[in-house]
Amino acid sequence: MSNVLEELATSRVKAKAAAKKLELSALKKLIHSLTIALESEEKRIKEKEEKDRINKIQKINQLLAENGL
Protein backbone atom coordinates (compact mmCIF):
# COMPACT_ATOMS: atom_id res chain seq x y z
CA MET A 1 0.00 0.00 0.00
CA SER A 2 1.30 3.45 -0.76
CA ASN A 3 2.27 5.78 2.05
CA VAL A 4 -0.57 8.15 1.14
CA LEU A 5 -3.21 5.44 1.44
CA GLU A 6 -1.70 4.17 4.70
CA GLU A 7 -1.82 7.68 6.14
CA LEU A 8 -5.43 8.15 5.07
CA ALA A 9 -6.40 4.74 6.43
CA THR A 10 -4.90 5.46 9.84
CA SER A 11 -5.87 9.12 10.27
CA ARG A 12 -9.43 10.35 10.00
CA VAL A 13 -8.22 13.94 10.12
CA LYS A 14 -5.89 13.42 7.15
CA ALA A 15 -8.61 11.55 5.26
CA LYS A 16 -11.05 14.43 5.80
CA ALA A 17 -8.46 16.98 4.71
CA ALA A 18 -7.71 15.01 1.54
CA ALA A 19 -11.44 14.58 0.84
CA LYS A 20 -11.97 18.35 1.03
CA LYS A 21 -9.48 18.78 -1.83
CA LEU A 22 -11.62 16.66 -4.16
CA GLU A 23 -14.82 17.56 -5.91
CA LEU A 24 -17.80 15.62 -4.64
CA SER A 25 -18.06 13.52 -7.81
CA ALA A 26 -14.37 12.59 -7.63
CA LEU A 27 -14.72 11.69 -3.95
CA LYS A 28 -17.71 9.46 -4.73
CA LYS A 29 -15.76 7.74 -7.52
CA LEU A 30 -12.82 7.18 -5.16
CA ILE A 31 -15.06 5.72 -2.47
CA HIS A 32 -16.75 3.49 -5.06
CA SER A 33 -13.40 2.25 -6.36
CA LEU A 34 -12.11 1.57 -2.85
CA THR A 35 -15.33 -0.25 -1.97
CA ILE A 36 -14.93 -2.50 -5.01
CA ALA A 37 -11.28 -3.13 -4.09
CA LEU A 38 -12.29 -3.98 -0.52
CA GLU A 39 -15.02 -6.37 -1.63
CA SER A 40 -12.63 -8.05 -4.05
CA GLU A 41 -9.97 -8.50 -1.37
CA GLU A 42 -12.51 -9.83 1.15
CA LYS A 43 -13.75 -12.33 -1.46
CA ARG A 44 -10.18 -13.43 -2.26
CA ILE A 45 -9.38 -13.96 1.41
CA LYS A 46 -12.62 -15.85 2.03
CA GLU A 47 -11.99 -18.14 -0.95
CA LYS A 48 -8.43 -18.82 0.24
CA GLU A 49 -9.63 -19.61 3.76
CA GLU A 50 -12.27 -21.98 2.38
CA LYS A 51 -9.68 -23.69 0.17
CA ASP A 52 -7.33 -24.06 3.14
CA ARG A 53 -10.16 -25.48 5.27
CA ILE A 54 -11.05 -28.04 2.59
CA ASN A 55 -7.39 -29.04 2.23
CA LYS A 56 -7.12 -29.60 6.00
CA ILE A 57 -10.26 -31.73 6.02
CA GLN A 58 -8.94 -33.79 3.10
CA LYS A 59 -5.60 -34.33 4.89
CA ILE A 60 -7.37 -35.41 8.07
CA ASN A 61 -9.62 -37.79 6.12
CA GLN A 62 -6.58 -39.20 4.35
CA LEU A 63 -4.75 -39.79 7.65
CA LEU A 64 -7.85 -41.43 9.12
CA ALA A 65 -8.16 -43.72 6.08
CA GLU A 66 -4.47 -44.63 6.21
CA ASN A 67 -4.82 -45.60 9.86
CA GLY A 68 -8.01 -47.57 9.30
CA LEU A 69 -10.22 -45.26 11.29
C-alpha atoms as a PDB file:
ATOM      1  CA  MET A   1       0.000   0.000   0.000  1.00  0.00           C
ATOM      2  CA  SER A   2       1.296   3.450  -0.764  1.00  0.00           C
ATOM      3  CA  ASN A   3       2.270   5.778   2.053  1.00  0.00           C
ATOM      4  CA  VAL A   4      -0.574   8.149   1.141  1.00  0.00           C
ATOM      5  CA  LEU A   5      -3.213   5.436   1.435  1.00  0.00           C
ATOM      6  CA  GLU A   6      -1.697   4.173   4.695  1.00  0.00           C
ATOM      7  CA  GLU A   7      -1.823   7.680   6.145  1.00  0.00           C
ATOM      8  CA  LEU A   8      -5.432   8.149   5.072  1.00  0.00           C
ATOM      9  CA  ALA A   9      -6.398   4.739   6.429  1.00  0.00           C
ATOM     10  CA  THR A  10      -4.901   5.462   9.839  1.00  0.00           C
ATOM     11  CA  SER A  11      -5.875   9.118  10.273  1.00  0.00           C
ATOM     12  CA  ARG A  12      -9.427  10.351  10.000  1.00  0.00           C
ATOM     13  CA  VAL A  13      -8.220  13.944  10.125  1.00  0.00           C
ATOM     14  CA  LYS A  14      -5.889  13.424   7.147  1.00  0.00           C
ATOM     15  CA  ALA A  15      -8.613  11.551   5.262  1.00  0.00           C
ATOM     16  CA  LYS A  16     -11.054  14.429   5.799  1.00  0.00           C
ATOM     17  CA  ALA A  17      -8.455  16.979   4.707  1.00  0.00           C
ATOM     18  CA  ALA A  18      -7.712  15.010   1.539  1.00  0.00           C
ATOM     19  CA  ALA A  19     -11.439  14.582   0.838  1.00  0.00           C
ATOM     20  CA  LYS A  20     -11.971  18.348   1.028  1.00  0.00           C
ATOM     21  CA  LYS A  21      -9.482  18.779  -1.829  1.00  0.00           C
ATOM     22  CA  LEU A  22     -11.623  16.659  -4.163  1.00  0.00           C
ATOM     23  CA  GLU A  23     -14.823  17.564  -5.913  1.00  0.00           C
ATOM     24  CA  LEU A  24     -17.796  15.619  -4.638  1.00  0.00           C
ATOM     25  CA  SER A  25     -18.065  13.523  -7.808  1.00  0.00           C
ATOM     26  CA  ALA A  26     -14.374  12.593  -7.625  1.00  0.00           C
ATOM     27  CA  LEU A  27     -14.725  11.692  -3.950  1.00  0.00           C
ATOM     28  CA  LYS A  28     -17.707   9.464  -4.726  1.00  0.00           C
ATOM     29  CA  LYS A  29     -15.760   7.741  -7.515  1.00  0.00           C
ATOM     30  CA  LEU A  30     -12.825   7.182  -5.159  1.00  0.00           C
ATOM     31  CA  ILE A  31     -15.064   5.720  -2.474  1.00  0.00           C
ATOM     32  CA  HIS A  32     -16.746   3.488  -5.059  1.00  0.00           C
ATOM     33  CA  SER A  33     -13.395   2.251  -6.358  1.00  0.00           C
ATOM     34  CA  LEU A  34     -12.109   1.575  -2.847  1.00  0.00           C
ATOM     35  CA  THR A  35     -15.329  -0.249  -1.970  1.00  0.00           C
ATOM     36  CA  ILE A  36     -14.931  -2.497  -5.005  1.00  0.00           C
ATOM     37  CA  ALA A  37     -11.281  -3.126  -4.091  1.00  0.00           C
ATOM     38  CA  LEU A  38     -12.289  -3.978  -0.523  1.00  0.00           C
ATOM     39  CA  GLU A  39     -15.019  -6.374  -1.625  1.00  0.00           C
ATOM     40  CA  SER A  40     -12.630  -8.051  -4.047  1.00  0.00           C
ATOM     41  CA  GLU A  41      -9.973  -8.501  -1.366  1.00  0.00           C
ATOM     42  CA  GLU A  42     -12.512  -9.832   1.145  1.00  0.00           C
ATOM     43  CA  LYS A  43     -13.745 -12.334  -1.457  1.00  0.00           C
ATOM     44  CA  ARG A  44     -10.182 -13.431  -2.265  1.00  0.00           C
ATOM     45  CA  ILE A  45      -9.384 -13.963   1.413  1.00  0.00           C
ATOM     46  CA  LYS A  46     -12.621 -15.851   2.032  1.00  0.00           C
ATOM     47  CA  GLU A  47     -11.989 -18.144  -0.952  1.00  0.00           C
ATOM     48  CA  LYS A  48      -8.429 -18.817   0.239  1.00  0.00           C
ATOM     49  CA  GLU A  49      -9.632 -19.611   3.765  1.00  0.00           C
ATOM     50  CA  GLU A  50     -12.267 -21.982   2.379  1.00  0.00           C
ATOM     51  CA  LYS A  51      -9.685 -23.691   0.165  1.00  0.00           C
ATOM     52  CA  ASP A  52      -7.326 -24.065   3.144  1.00  0.00           C
ATOM     53  CA  ARG A  53     -10.164 -25.485   5.266  1.00  0.00           C
ATOM     54  CA  ILE A  54     -11.055 -28.044   2.588  1.00  0.00           C
ATOM     55  CA  ASN A  55      -7.393 -29.044   2.232  1.00  0.00           C
ATOM     56  CA  LYS A  56      -7.118 -29.602   5.999  1.00  0.00           C
ATOM     57  CA  ILE A  57     -10.257 -31.726   6.021  1.00  0.00           C
ATOM     58  CA  GLN A  58      -8.943 -33.790   3.105  1.00  0.00           C
ATOM     59  CA  LYS A  59      -5.604 -34.330   4.885  1.00  0.00           C
ATOM     60  CA  ILE A  60      -7.374 -35.413   8.068  1.00  0.00           C
ATOM     61  CA  ASN A  61      -9.618 -37.786   6.123  1.00  0.00           C
ATOM     62  CA  GLN A  62      -6.579 -39.202   4.348  1.00  0.00           C
ATOM     63  CA  LEU A  63      -4.754 -39.792   7.649  1.00  0.00           C
ATOM     64  CA  LEU A  64      -7.848 -41.427   9.120  1.00  0.00           C
ATOM     65  CA  ALA A  65      -8.164 -43.723   6.082  1.00  0.00           C
ATOM     66  CA  GLU A  66      -4.474 -44.628   6.206  1.00  0.00           C
ATOM     67  CA  ASN A  67      -4.821 -45.601   9.862  1.00  0.00           C
ATOM     68  CA  GLY A  68      -8.013 -47.571   9.299  1.00  0.00           C
ATOM     69  CA  LEU A  69     -10.218 -45.256  11.289  1.00  0.00           C
END
